C-alpha cells in the first residue's frame, strides 16, 4: 500500500477538508471572479477543469516518486494554487503571492494544521517560476514547516509546477499560435 492510501484510510475526515475548501465562501468567490474575468479569454483558463487536472497529475507524480504527501494535501494545494488569479487581474499582484495570502485563512478554516498549511503555501507561493524552486525562495514561515523536510517541501512544489504546466492541452488548443509560451514549453502530446 502506498503512503497515500494507508494514511487516507486511517483519517477518514481528511477528504471532508477538501470538500470544505471547495465549498468555502472565499474560495468560491475568488474562483467565480476569475471565471468572470476570463470569460472572453482565448488562452487557457484557470477553472475547475484546470484545478482538478493539476490535482490528478500531481497525484500521479507524487505516487511515482513515492513522495509521502497525502491525497487531501495534494488536492488542497492544486485547488488553491491559482486562487490569487483574480487579484492579479484586478491590481497586478502576482497570483502566486496573492494565492498565499488568500489560501492561508481558507486552509485554517478547513482544519489544516500549521505544518500542512506550510507545505501547501510553499507550493502555492513558488509554483509559477521554476527558478524559485531552485533558488531557495520560501513563502512559508519556519514555524509551519516542522512536519515536512525541506526536501519534501521543495519536491512537492516542483511537482506542482510540473503538474500545472502538464495540465495544459496545447496539442489541441485553437489559440496555440498566438500563445506567448515558447514552443519548447508547449505540450505537444497528452503524456505526463
N, C-alpha and C. Protein backbone atom coordinates (compact mmCIF):
# COMPACT_ATOMS: atom_id res chain seq x y z
N UNK A 1 0.82 -1.20 0.00
CA UNK A 1 0.00 0.00 0.00
C UNK A 1 0.86 1.26 0.00
N UNK A 2 0.46 2.24 -0.76
CA UNK A 2 1.23 3.48 -0.82
C UNK A 2 0.97 4.32 0.42
N UNK A 3 1.83 5.30 0.71
CA UNK A 3 1.57 6.17 1.85
C UNK A 3 0.28 6.96 1.67
N UNK A 4 -0.14 7.18 0.46
CA UNK A 4 -1.36 7.95 0.20
C UNK A 4 -2.58 7.16 0.67
N UNK A 5 -2.63 5.87 0.28
CA UNK A 5 -3.78 5.05 0.61
C UNK A 5 -3.86 4.77 2.10
N UNK A 6 -2.76 4.35 2.71
CA UNK A 6 -2.79 3.97 4.11
C UNK A 6 -3.12 5.16 5.01
N UNK A 7 -2.55 6.32 4.75
CA UNK A 7 -2.83 7.47 5.59
C UNK A 7 -4.25 7.96 5.42
N UNK A 8 -4.76 7.96 4.20
CA UNK A 8 -6.13 8.42 3.99
C UNK A 8 -7.13 7.47 4.63
N UNK A 9 -6.84 6.16 4.63
CA UNK A 9 -7.78 5.23 5.24
C UNK A 9 -7.76 5.34 6.76
N UNK A 10 -6.66 5.80 7.33
CA UNK A 10 -6.59 5.99 8.78
C UNK A 10 -7.25 7.29 9.22
N UNK A 11 -7.45 8.21 8.32
CA UNK A 11 -8.01 9.52 8.64
C UNK A 11 -9.18 9.82 7.71
N UNK A 12 -10.36 9.21 7.98
CA UNK A 12 -11.48 9.38 7.05
C UNK A 12 -12.00 10.80 6.97
N UNK A 13 -11.66 11.66 7.92
CA UNK A 13 -12.15 13.04 7.87
C UNK A 13 -11.39 13.90 6.87
N UNK A 14 -10.25 13.47 6.39
CA UNK A 14 -9.43 14.29 5.51
C UNK A 14 -10.09 14.65 4.19
N UNK A 15 -10.80 13.74 3.50
CA UNK A 15 -11.49 14.17 2.29
C UNK A 15 -12.53 15.26 2.57
N UNK A 16 -13.08 15.28 3.77
CA UNK A 16 -14.03 16.33 4.12
C UNK A 16 -13.37 17.70 4.09
N UNK A 17 -12.09 17.77 4.42
CA UNK A 17 -11.40 19.06 4.38
C UNK A 17 -11.30 19.57 2.95
N UNK A 18 -11.10 18.68 1.99
CA UNK A 18 -11.06 19.10 0.59
C UNK A 18 -12.45 19.60 0.18
N UNK A 19 -13.49 18.89 0.58
CA UNK A 19 -14.85 19.36 0.28
C UNK A 19 -15.11 20.72 0.91
N UNK A 20 -14.58 20.94 2.11
CA UNK A 20 -14.75 22.24 2.77
C UNK A 20 -14.07 23.35 1.98
N UNK A 21 -12.90 23.06 1.41
CA UNK A 21 -12.24 24.06 0.55
C UNK A 21 -13.15 24.37 -0.64
N UNK A 22 -13.65 23.33 -1.28
CA UNK A 22 -14.48 23.51 -2.48
C UNK A 22 -15.76 24.28 -2.19
N UNK A 23 -16.23 24.22 -0.95
CA UNK A 23 -17.45 24.92 -0.56
C UNK A 23 -17.18 26.22 0.19
N UNK A 24 -15.93 26.51 0.48
CA UNK A 24 -15.58 27.69 1.27
C UNK A 24 -16.00 28.96 0.52
N UNK A 25 -16.68 29.88 1.18
CA UNK A 25 -17.17 31.09 0.50
C UNK A 25 -16.07 31.91 -0.18
N UNK A 26 -14.92 32.03 0.45
CA UNK A 26 -13.83 32.80 -0.16
C UNK A 26 -13.27 32.10 -1.38
N UNK A 27 -13.12 30.79 -1.31
CA UNK A 27 -12.66 30.01 -2.47
C UNK A 27 -13.63 30.19 -3.62
N UNK A 28 -14.93 30.01 -3.33
CA UNK A 28 -15.95 30.13 -4.38
C UNK A 28 -15.98 31.54 -4.99
N UNK A 29 -15.88 32.54 -4.13
CA UNK A 29 -15.89 33.93 -4.60
C UNK A 29 -14.71 34.20 -5.53
N UNK A 30 -13.51 33.82 -5.11
CA UNK A 30 -12.31 34.05 -5.92
C UNK A 30 -12.37 33.28 -7.23
N UNK A 31 -12.85 32.04 -7.19
CA UNK A 31 -12.95 31.26 -8.41
C UNK A 31 -13.99 31.87 -9.36
N UNK A 32 -15.12 32.32 -8.83
CA UNK A 32 -16.14 32.98 -9.65
C UNK A 32 -15.62 34.27 -10.26
N UNK A 33 -14.85 35.04 -9.48
CA UNK A 33 -14.27 36.28 -10.02
C UNK A 33 -13.32 35.95 -11.17
N UNK A 34 -12.50 34.94 -10.99
CA UNK A 34 -11.56 34.55 -12.04
C UNK A 34 -12.32 34.11 -13.28
N UNK A 35 -13.34 33.28 -13.10
CA UNK A 35 -14.12 32.82 -14.24
C UNK A 35 -14.76 33.99 -14.98
N UNK A 36 -15.27 34.95 -14.25
CA UNK A 36 -15.86 36.14 -14.87
C UNK A 36 -14.80 36.93 -15.64
N UNK A 37 -13.64 37.14 -15.02
CA UNK A 37 -12.58 37.91 -15.65
C UNK A 37 -11.98 37.20 -16.87
N UNK A 38 -12.11 35.88 -16.92
CA UNK A 38 -11.55 35.11 -18.03
C UNK A 38 -12.61 34.67 -19.05
N UNK A 39 -13.82 35.16 -18.92
CA UNK A 39 -14.90 34.66 -19.79
C UNK A 39 -14.61 34.84 -21.28
N UNK A 40 -13.87 35.86 -21.63
CA UNK A 40 -13.54 36.09 -23.04
C UNK A 40 -12.09 35.70 -23.38
N UNK A 41 -11.42 35.09 -22.47
CA UNK A 41 -10.02 34.69 -22.67
C UNK A 41 -9.94 33.55 -23.68
N UNK A 42 -9.08 33.69 -24.69
CA UNK A 42 -8.93 32.65 -25.69
C UNK A 42 -7.87 31.62 -25.28
N UNK A 43 -7.02 31.99 -24.35
CA UNK A 43 -5.97 31.08 -23.89
C UNK A 43 -6.49 30.22 -22.74
N UNK A 44 -5.65 29.38 -22.20
CA UNK A 44 -6.02 28.50 -21.10
C UNK A 44 -6.70 29.29 -19.97
N UNK A 45 -7.71 28.68 -19.41
CA UNK A 45 -8.42 29.31 -18.30
C UNK A 45 -8.03 28.63 -17.00
N UNK A 46 -8.31 29.33 -15.92
CA UNK A 46 -7.98 28.84 -14.58
C UNK A 46 -9.28 28.47 -13.88
N UNK A 47 -9.90 27.41 -14.39
CA UNK A 47 -11.23 26.99 -13.95
C UNK A 47 -11.16 25.65 -13.21
N UNK A 48 -12.34 25.10 -12.89
CA UNK A 48 -12.40 23.82 -12.19
C UNK A 48 -11.62 22.75 -12.93
N UNK A 49 -11.77 22.70 -14.24
CA UNK A 49 -11.09 21.67 -15.02
C UNK A 49 -9.58 21.74 -14.84
N UNK A 50 -9.03 22.95 -14.92
CA UNK A 50 -7.58 23.11 -14.74
C UNK A 50 -7.16 22.71 -13.33
N UNK A 51 -7.91 23.12 -12.33
CA UNK A 51 -7.56 22.80 -10.94
C UNK A 51 -7.57 21.29 -10.72
N UNK A 52 -8.60 20.62 -11.20
CA UNK A 52 -8.69 19.17 -11.00
C UNK A 52 -7.67 18.41 -11.85
N UNK A 53 -7.42 18.88 -13.07
CA UNK A 53 -6.37 18.25 -13.87
C UNK A 53 -5.02 18.37 -13.18
N UNK A 54 -4.73 19.54 -12.62
CA UNK A 54 -3.47 19.74 -11.90
C UNK A 54 -3.40 18.79 -10.71
N UNK A 55 -4.49 18.65 -9.98
CA UNK A 55 -4.51 17.76 -8.81
C UNK A 55 -4.23 16.32 -9.21
N UNK A 56 -4.88 15.86 -10.25
CA UNK A 56 -4.72 14.46 -10.67
C UNK A 56 -3.31 14.18 -11.18
N UNK A 57 -2.75 15.13 -11.91
CA UNK A 57 -1.37 14.94 -12.38
C UNK A 57 -0.41 14.98 -11.20
N UNK A 58 -0.64 15.90 -10.25
CA UNK A 58 0.20 15.93 -9.04
C UNK A 58 0.13 14.60 -8.31
N UNK A 59 -1.07 14.05 -8.19
CA UNK A 59 -1.25 12.78 -7.50
C UNK A 59 -0.45 11.68 -8.18
N UNK A 60 -0.51 11.61 -9.50
CA UNK A 60 0.25 10.60 -10.25
C UNK A 60 1.75 10.79 -10.02
N UNK A 61 2.23 12.03 -10.13
CA UNK A 61 3.66 12.28 -9.96
C UNK A 61 4.14 11.99 -8.54
N UNK A 62 3.32 12.33 -7.54
CA UNK A 62 3.69 12.02 -6.15
C UNK A 62 3.74 10.51 -5.93
N UNK A 63 2.78 9.79 -6.50
CA UNK A 63 2.79 8.33 -6.37
C UNK A 63 4.01 7.72 -7.05
N UNK A 64 4.34 8.21 -8.24
CA UNK A 64 5.50 7.69 -8.97
C UNK A 64 6.78 7.84 -8.16
N UNK A 65 6.87 8.95 -7.45
CA UNK A 65 8.09 9.22 -6.68
C UNK A 65 7.98 8.75 -5.23
N UNK A 66 6.84 8.18 -4.88
CA UNK A 66 6.60 7.74 -3.50
C UNK A 66 6.81 8.89 -2.51
N UNK A 67 6.41 10.09 -2.90
CA UNK A 67 6.52 11.26 -2.04
C UNK A 67 5.47 11.14 -0.94
N UNK A 68 5.87 11.19 0.32
CA UNK A 68 4.92 10.96 1.42
C UNK A 68 4.02 12.17 1.72
N UNK A 69 3.16 12.49 0.76
CA UNK A 69 2.19 13.57 0.91
C UNK A 69 0.82 12.98 0.61
N UNK A 70 -0.09 13.13 1.55
CA UNK A 70 -1.44 12.56 1.41
C UNK A 70 -2.23 13.21 0.27
N UNK A 71 -3.18 12.46 -0.25
CA UNK A 71 -4.02 12.92 -1.34
C UNK A 71 -4.78 14.20 -1.00
N UNK A 72 -5.26 14.31 0.24
CA UNK A 72 -6.03 15.51 0.58
C UNK A 72 -5.14 16.76 0.55
N UNK A 73 -3.86 16.62 0.83
CA UNK A 73 -2.94 17.75 0.76
C UNK A 73 -2.63 18.08 -0.70
N UNK A 74 -2.52 17.06 -1.53
CA UNK A 74 -2.30 17.27 -2.96
C UNK A 74 -3.48 18.04 -3.55
N UNK A 75 -4.69 17.59 -3.25
CA UNK A 75 -5.88 18.25 -3.79
C UNK A 75 -6.04 19.66 -3.23
N UNK A 76 -5.77 19.85 -1.95
CA UNK A 76 -5.86 21.20 -1.37
C UNK A 76 -4.91 22.14 -2.09
N UNK A 77 -3.68 21.71 -2.29
CA UNK A 77 -2.69 22.56 -2.96
C UNK A 77 -3.11 22.87 -4.39
N UNK A 78 -3.56 21.86 -5.12
CA UNK A 78 -3.95 22.07 -6.51
C UNK A 78 -5.18 22.96 -6.63
N UNK A 79 -6.16 22.75 -5.77
CA UNK A 79 -7.36 23.59 -5.82
C UNK A 79 -7.05 25.05 -5.54
N UNK A 80 -6.08 25.29 -4.68
CA UNK A 80 -5.77 26.65 -4.26
C UNK A 80 -4.62 27.31 -5.03
N UNK A 81 -3.96 26.60 -5.90
CA UNK A 81 -2.73 27.15 -6.50
C UNK A 81 -2.97 28.39 -7.35
N UNK A 82 -4.15 28.54 -7.94
CA UNK A 82 -4.44 29.73 -8.75
C UNK A 82 -5.48 30.64 -8.11
N UNK A 83 -5.70 30.51 -6.82
CA UNK A 83 -6.74 31.27 -6.13
C UNK A 83 -6.48 32.78 -6.16
N UNK A 84 -5.26 33.18 -6.39
CA UNK A 84 -4.92 34.60 -6.46
C UNK A 84 -5.02 35.20 -7.86
N UNK A 85 -5.50 34.43 -8.80
CA UNK A 85 -5.55 34.89 -10.20
C UNK A 85 -6.41 36.14 -10.38
N UNK A 86 -7.58 36.21 -9.75
CA UNK A 86 -8.45 37.39 -9.92
C UNK A 86 -7.74 38.64 -9.40
N UNK A 87 -7.04 38.53 -8.29
CA UNK A 87 -6.32 39.68 -7.75
C UNK A 87 -5.24 40.14 -8.72
N UNK A 88 -4.59 39.21 -9.39
CA UNK A 88 -3.58 39.58 -10.38
C UNK A 88 -4.23 40.39 -11.50
N UNK A 89 -5.38 39.97 -11.95
CA UNK A 89 -6.10 40.71 -13.00
C UNK A 89 -6.55 42.08 -12.48
N UNK A 90 -7.00 42.13 -11.23
CA UNK A 90 -7.57 43.36 -10.68
C UNK A 90 -6.53 44.41 -10.34
N UNK A 91 -5.44 44.00 -9.66
CA UNK A 91 -4.49 45.02 -9.19
C UNK A 91 -3.03 44.73 -9.51
N UNK A 92 -2.76 43.66 -10.25
CA UNK A 92 -1.40 43.36 -10.67
C UNK A 92 -0.57 42.55 -9.69
N UNK A 93 -1.13 42.20 -8.53
CA UNK A 93 -0.39 41.36 -7.58
C UNK A 93 -0.14 40.00 -8.23
N UNK A 94 1.10 39.51 -8.26
CA UNK A 94 1.36 38.20 -8.83
C UNK A 94 0.47 37.15 -8.16
N UNK A 95 -0.14 36.28 -8.95
CA UNK A 95 -1.15 35.39 -8.39
C UNK A 95 -0.59 34.36 -7.41
N UNK A 96 0.68 34.04 -7.52
CA UNK A 96 1.27 33.12 -6.54
C UNK A 96 1.35 33.79 -5.16
N UNK A 97 1.72 35.05 -5.13
CA UNK A 97 1.79 35.78 -3.85
C UNK A 97 0.40 36.05 -3.29
N UNK A 98 -0.52 36.49 -4.15
CA UNK A 98 -1.90 36.70 -3.71
C UNK A 98 -2.51 35.37 -3.23
N UNK A 99 -2.14 34.29 -3.91
CA UNK A 99 -2.66 32.98 -3.54
C UNK A 99 -2.27 32.56 -2.14
N UNK A 100 -1.03 32.84 -1.75
CA UNK A 100 -0.58 32.52 -0.39
C UNK A 100 -1.42 33.30 0.63
N UNK A 101 -1.65 34.58 0.36
CA UNK A 101 -2.44 35.41 1.27
C UNK A 101 -3.88 34.93 1.39
N UNK A 102 -4.47 34.52 0.30
CA UNK A 102 -5.87 34.07 0.30
C UNK A 102 -6.00 32.65 0.85
N UNK A 103 -5.08 31.78 0.47
CA UNK A 103 -5.18 30.36 0.84
C UNK A 103 -4.96 30.10 2.33
N UNK A 104 -4.09 30.86 2.98
CA UNK A 104 -3.81 30.61 4.39
C UNK A 104 -5.05 30.59 5.26
N UNK A 105 -5.88 31.63 5.23
CA UNK A 105 -7.10 31.62 6.03
C UNK A 105 -8.10 30.53 5.62
N UNK A 106 -8.15 30.22 4.34
CA UNK A 106 -9.06 29.15 3.88
C UNK A 106 -8.62 27.82 4.48
N UNK A 107 -7.32 27.54 4.43
CA UNK A 107 -6.80 26.29 4.99
C UNK A 107 -7.06 26.21 6.49
N UNK A 108 -6.88 27.31 7.20
CA UNK A 108 -7.15 27.34 8.63
C UNK A 108 -8.63 27.05 8.91
N UNK A 109 -9.50 27.69 8.15
CA UNK A 109 -10.95 27.47 8.31
C UNK A 109 -11.35 26.03 8.04
N UNK A 110 -10.59 25.35 7.18
CA UNK A 110 -10.94 24.00 6.77
C UNK A 110 -10.22 22.92 7.59
N UNK A 111 -9.49 23.31 8.62
CA UNK A 111 -8.92 22.35 9.56
C UNK A 111 -7.53 21.84 9.24
N UNK A 112 -6.78 22.52 8.40
CA UNK A 112 -5.41 22.09 8.11
C UNK A 112 -4.48 22.55 9.23
N UNK A 113 -3.52 21.71 9.57
CA UNK A 113 -2.57 22.03 10.62
C UNK A 113 -1.56 23.06 10.11
N UNK A 114 -0.79 23.60 11.02
CA UNK A 114 0.25 24.57 10.63
C UNK A 114 1.27 23.93 9.69
N UNK A 115 1.66 22.69 9.97
CA UNK A 115 2.64 22.01 9.10
C UNK A 115 2.05 21.74 7.71
N UNK A 116 0.81 21.29 7.66
CA UNK A 116 0.16 21.05 6.36
C UNK A 116 0.01 22.36 5.59
N UNK A 117 -0.39 23.40 6.29
CA UNK A 117 -0.55 24.71 5.67
C UNK A 117 0.78 25.21 5.13
N UNK A 118 1.84 25.03 5.89
CA UNK A 118 3.17 25.44 5.43
C UNK A 118 3.58 24.73 4.15
N UNK A 119 3.33 23.43 4.07
CA UNK A 119 3.65 22.66 2.87
C UNK A 119 2.87 23.18 1.67
N UNK A 120 1.58 23.39 1.86
CA UNK A 120 0.71 23.84 0.77
C UNK A 120 1.06 25.27 0.34
N UNK A 121 1.27 26.15 1.31
CA UNK A 121 1.59 27.54 0.97
C UNK A 121 2.94 27.66 0.27
N UNK A 122 3.90 26.83 0.65
CA UNK A 122 5.19 26.83 -0.04
C UNK A 122 5.00 26.48 -1.51
N UNK A 123 4.19 25.45 -1.77
CA UNK A 123 3.95 25.03 -3.15
C UNK A 123 3.20 26.12 -3.93
N UNK A 124 2.19 26.72 -3.32
CA UNK A 124 1.43 27.77 -3.99
C UNK A 124 2.34 28.98 -4.27
N UNK A 125 3.11 29.36 -3.29
CA UNK A 125 3.95 30.55 -3.41
C UNK A 125 5.11 30.41 -4.37
N UNK A 126 5.44 29.19 -4.75
CA UNK A 126 6.58 29.02 -5.65
C UNK A 126 6.22 28.26 -6.91
N UNK A 127 4.93 28.13 -7.22
CA UNK A 127 4.55 27.30 -8.37
C UNK A 127 4.71 27.97 -9.72
N UNK A 128 4.91 29.28 -9.77
CA UNK A 128 4.98 29.97 -11.05
C UNK A 128 6.35 29.88 -11.71
N UNK A 129 7.38 30.03 -10.94
CA UNK A 129 8.71 30.14 -11.52
C UNK A 129 9.58 28.99 -11.06
N UNK A 130 10.09 28.26 -12.00
CA UNK A 130 10.98 27.16 -11.66
C UNK A 130 12.20 27.66 -10.91
N UNK A 131 12.64 28.87 -11.21
CA UNK A 131 13.81 29.44 -10.54
C UNK A 131 13.58 29.55 -9.04
N UNK A 132 12.36 29.86 -8.64
CA UNK A 132 12.06 29.97 -7.21
C UNK A 132 12.24 28.63 -6.51
N UNK A 133 12.05 27.55 -7.23
CA UNK A 133 12.18 26.23 -6.63
C UNK A 133 13.63 25.79 -6.49
N UNK A 134 14.50 26.42 -7.21
CA UNK A 134 15.90 26.05 -7.12
C UNK A 134 16.73 27.09 -6.37
N UNK A 135 16.17 28.29 -6.17
CA UNK A 135 16.93 29.36 -5.53
C UNK A 135 16.69 29.44 -4.03
N UNK A 136 15.78 28.63 -3.50
CA UNK A 136 15.55 28.63 -2.07
C UNK A 136 14.50 29.61 -1.60
N UNK A 137 13.71 30.18 -2.50
CA UNK A 137 12.61 31.06 -2.11
C UNK A 137 11.65 30.27 -1.22
N UNK A 138 11.19 30.86 -0.14
CA UNK A 138 10.34 30.13 0.79
C UNK A 138 9.28 31.04 1.40
N UNK A 139 8.03 31.00 0.88
CA UNK A 139 6.98 31.86 1.40
C UNK A 139 6.37 31.38 2.71
N UNK A 140 6.66 30.17 3.16
CA UNK A 140 6.04 29.65 4.38
C UNK A 140 6.92 29.94 5.60
N UNK A 141 6.31 30.43 6.69
CA UNK A 141 7.08 30.68 7.91
C UNK A 141 7.72 29.39 8.45
N UNK A 142 8.89 29.49 9.03
CA UNK A 142 9.61 28.32 9.54
C UNK A 142 8.79 27.55 10.55
N UNK A 143 7.98 28.23 11.36
CA UNK A 143 7.17 27.57 12.38
C UNK A 143 6.14 26.62 11.80
N UNK A 144 5.81 26.78 10.51
CA UNK A 144 4.78 25.96 9.89
C UNK A 144 5.37 24.78 9.12
N UNK A 145 6.66 24.52 9.24
CA UNK A 145 7.28 23.52 8.40
C UNK A 145 7.82 22.32 9.17
N UNK A 146 7.46 22.17 10.41
CA UNK A 146 8.07 21.15 11.25
C UNK A 146 7.87 19.73 10.74
N UNK A 147 6.72 19.40 10.19
CA UNK A 147 6.42 18.02 9.83
C UNK A 147 7.07 17.57 8.53
N UNK A 148 7.32 18.49 7.62
CA UNK A 148 7.82 18.13 6.31
C UNK A 148 9.23 18.66 6.13
N UNK A 149 10.13 17.78 5.70
CA UNK A 149 11.51 18.20 5.48
C UNK A 149 11.58 19.20 4.34
N UNK A 150 12.65 19.92 4.29
CA UNK A 150 12.86 20.89 3.21
C UNK A 150 12.86 20.18 1.85
N UNK A 151 13.43 18.99 1.82
CA UNK A 151 13.48 18.24 0.56
C UNK A 151 12.07 17.86 0.09
N UNK A 152 11.22 17.43 1.01
CA UNK A 152 9.83 17.07 0.65
C UNK A 152 9.08 18.31 0.18
N UNK A 153 9.24 19.41 0.92
CA UNK A 153 8.55 20.64 0.52
C UNK A 153 8.98 21.09 -0.88
N UNK A 154 10.26 21.09 -1.12
CA UNK A 154 10.76 21.55 -2.41
C UNK A 154 10.29 20.61 -3.53
N UNK A 155 10.35 19.30 -3.29
CA UNK A 155 9.92 18.36 -4.34
C UNK A 155 8.42 18.47 -4.59
N UNK A 156 7.63 18.68 -3.54
CA UNK A 156 6.18 18.86 -3.69
C UNK A 156 5.90 20.11 -4.54
N UNK A 157 6.62 21.18 -4.28
CA UNK A 157 6.46 22.41 -5.07
C UNK A 157 6.88 22.18 -6.51
N UNK A 158 7.96 21.44 -6.73
CA UNK A 158 8.40 21.15 -8.10
C UNK A 158 7.35 20.31 -8.84
N UNK A 159 6.74 19.38 -8.11
CA UNK A 159 5.69 18.55 -8.71
C UNK A 159 4.48 19.41 -9.07
N UNK A 160 4.13 20.37 -8.19
CA UNK A 160 3.02 21.26 -8.52
C UNK A 160 3.35 22.07 -9.78
N UNK A 161 4.56 22.58 -9.84
CA UNK A 161 4.99 23.35 -11.02
C UNK A 161 4.83 22.50 -12.28
N UNK A 162 5.32 21.27 -12.23
CA UNK A 162 5.26 20.38 -13.39
C UNK A 162 3.81 20.04 -13.74
N UNK A 163 3.00 19.72 -12.75
CA UNK A 163 1.60 19.35 -13.00
C UNK A 163 0.81 20.52 -13.57
N UNK A 164 1.08 21.71 -13.07
CA UNK A 164 0.41 22.92 -13.57
C UNK A 164 0.69 23.07 -15.07
N UNK A 165 1.93 22.87 -15.47
CA UNK A 165 2.31 23.01 -16.87
C UNK A 165 1.77 21.84 -17.72
N UNK A 166 1.88 20.63 -17.19
CA UNK A 166 1.44 19.44 -17.93
C UNK A 166 -0.08 19.39 -18.11
N UNK A 167 -0.81 20.14 -17.31
CA UNK A 167 -2.27 20.12 -17.40
C UNK A 167 -2.80 20.88 -18.60
N UNK A 168 -1.94 21.60 -19.28
CA UNK A 168 -2.37 22.44 -20.41
C UNK A 168 -2.40 21.65 -21.71
N UNK A 169 -3.57 21.61 -22.38
CA UNK A 169 -3.70 20.83 -23.62
C UNK A 169 -3.30 21.64 -24.86
N UNK A 170 -2.05 22.06 -24.92
CA UNK A 170 -1.56 22.85 -26.06
C UNK A 170 -1.76 22.12 -27.38
N UNK A 171 -1.68 20.80 -27.35
CA UNK A 171 -1.77 19.98 -28.56
C UNK A 171 -3.13 20.09 -29.24
N UNK A 172 -4.17 20.60 -28.56
CA UNK A 172 -5.48 20.77 -29.20
C UNK A 172 -6.00 22.21 -29.08
N UNK A 173 -5.16 23.11 -28.66
CA UNK A 173 -5.58 24.49 -28.42
C UNK A 173 -5.69 25.28 -29.72
N UNK A 174 -6.83 25.94 -29.90
CA UNK A 174 -7.04 26.77 -31.09
C UNK A 174 -6.23 28.07 -31.05
N UNK A 175 -5.78 28.48 -29.87
CA UNK A 175 -5.02 29.73 -29.73
C UNK A 175 -3.52 29.48 -29.64
N UNK A 176 -3.09 28.27 -29.92
CA UNK A 176 -1.69 27.89 -29.76
C UNK A 176 -0.73 28.83 -30.48
N UNK A 177 -1.05 29.21 -31.70
CA UNK A 177 -0.12 30.06 -32.47
C UNK A 177 0.00 31.46 -31.88
N UNK A 178 -0.97 31.91 -31.13
CA UNK A 178 -0.93 33.24 -30.51
C UNK A 178 -0.46 33.22 -29.06
N UNK A 179 -0.26 32.05 -28.52
CA UNK A 179 0.15 31.90 -27.11
C UNK A 179 1.57 32.40 -26.92
N UNK A 180 1.81 33.04 -25.77
CA UNK A 180 3.16 33.58 -25.52
C UNK A 180 4.10 32.55 -24.90
N UNK A 181 3.64 31.34 -24.66
CA UNK A 181 4.55 30.29 -24.19
C UNK A 181 5.52 29.96 -25.32
N UNK A 182 6.81 29.82 -25.03
CA UNK A 182 7.75 29.38 -26.07
C UNK A 182 7.36 27.98 -26.57
N UNK A 183 7.60 27.71 -27.81
CA UNK A 183 7.23 26.43 -28.42
C UNK A 183 7.76 25.23 -27.62
N UNK A 184 8.98 25.36 -27.11
CA UNK A 184 9.57 24.22 -26.39
C UNK A 184 8.86 23.92 -25.06
N UNK A 185 8.09 24.87 -24.53
CA UNK A 185 7.34 24.64 -23.29
C UNK A 185 5.94 24.11 -23.54
N UNK A 186 5.44 24.25 -24.76
CA UNK A 186 4.08 23.82 -25.06
C UNK A 186 3.99 22.29 -25.08
N UNK A 187 2.89 21.81 -24.55
CA UNK A 187 2.66 20.37 -24.51
C UNK A 187 2.23 19.89 -25.90
N UNK A 188 3.04 19.07 -26.49
CA UNK A 188 2.76 18.59 -27.84
C UNK A 188 1.93 17.32 -27.85
N UNK A 189 1.93 16.62 -26.72
CA UNK A 189 1.13 15.39 -26.58
C UNK A 189 0.53 15.36 -25.17
N UNK A 190 -0.49 14.54 -24.96
CA UNK A 190 -1.11 14.49 -23.63
C UNK A 190 -0.37 13.62 -22.62
N UNK A 191 0.86 13.28 -22.89
CA UNK A 191 1.60 12.42 -21.95
C UNK A 191 2.07 13.22 -20.74
N UNK A 192 2.25 12.54 -19.63
CA UNK A 192 2.78 13.18 -18.43
C UNK A 192 4.07 12.48 -18.07
